[in-house]
Amino acid sequence: MALVGMIAGMALGFAGYFGGFGAFVLVAALGAVGFVVGRFLEGDLDRGDFFRTREHRRR
């Protein structure tokens, strides 16, 4: 996991250095989307984790 974090940090660093702040934000956002999609595909997350109502969370 540390290796994946290092690679992601290096990608963000390169994007920020060569592309500016806009590229940094774009790479960070796409990385977050990829992380969530990967968690869905591995089965660690369910769609219901994001789409539950407040009343359901209180129970």
Protein backbone atom coordinates (compact mmCIF):
# COMPACT_ATOMS: atom_id res chain seq x y z
CA MET A 1 0.00 0.00 0.00
CA ALA A 2 2.90 2.35 0.68
CA LEU A 3 4.17 1.82 -2.87
CA VAL A 4 0.78 2.76 -4.32
CA GLY A 5 0.71 5.89 -2.17
CA MET A 6 4.21 6.83 -3.29
CA ILE A 7 3.28 6.41 -6.96
CA ALA A 8 0.12 8.47 -6.50
CA GLY A 9 2.11 11.19 -4.74
CA MET A 10 4.67 11.25 -7.52
CA ALA A 11 1.94 11.50 -10.15
CA LEU A 12 0.37 14.42 -8.29
CA GLY A 13 3.75 16.07 -7.93
CA PHE A 14 4.52 15.78 -11.63
CA ALA A 15 1.07 17.04 -12.56
CA GLY A 16 1.44 20.01 -10.26
CA TYR A 17 4.93 20.86 -11.46
CA PHE A 18 4.39 20.49 -15.19
CA GLY A 19 0.68 21.29 -15.53
CA GLY A 20 0.01 23.75 -12.74
CA PHE A 21 -2.67 23.70 -10.09
CA GLY A 22 -5.47 22.79 -12.50
CA ALA A 23 -3.69 19.61 -13.57
CA PHE A 24 -2.96 18.79 -9.93
CA VAL A 25 -6.65 19.04 -9.03
CA LEU A 26 -7.68 17.02 -12.11
CA VAL A 27 -5.24 14.20 -11.30
CA ALA A 28 -6.33 14.19 -7.64
CA ALA A 29 -10.04 14.05 -8.59
CA LEU A 30 -9.53 11.26 -11.12
CA GLY A 31 -7.45 9.36 -8.59
CA ALA A 32 -10.24 9.62 -6.03
CA VAL A 33 -12.80 8.40 -8.57
CA GLY A 34 -10.54 5.51 -9.48
CA PHE A 35 -10.11 4.63 -5.82
CA VAL A 36 -13.87 4.51 -5.22
CA VAL A 37 -14.49 2.48 -8.38
CA GLY A 38 -11.77 0.05 -7.35
CA ARG A 39 -13.37 -0.37 -3.93
CA PHE A 40 -16.73 -1.09 -5.59
CA LEU A 41 -15.16 -3.70 -7.87
CA GLU A 42 -13.38 -5.39 -4.96
CA GLY A 43 -16.62 -5.53 -3.00
CA ASP A 44 -15.47 -3.32 -0.12
CA LEU A 45 -18.21 -0.75 -0.77
CA ASP A 46 -21.89 -1.00 -1.62
CA ARG A 47 -23.96 1.52 -3.53
CA GLY A 48 -26.10 1.86 -0.42
CA ASP A 49 -23.14 3.26 1.52
CA PHE A 50 -23.48 6.50 -0.45
CA PHE A 51 -27.22 6.63 -1.08
CA ARG A 52 -28.81 5.89 2.29
CA THR A 53 -31.14 8.40 3.85
CA ARG A 54 -30.40 10.13 7.13
CA GLU A 55 -33.14 8.22 8.94
CA HIS A 56 -31.56 4.92 7.94
CA ARG A 57 -28.15 5.97 9.29
CA ARG A 58 -29.53 6.84 12.73
CA ARG A 59 -30.91 3.34 13.34
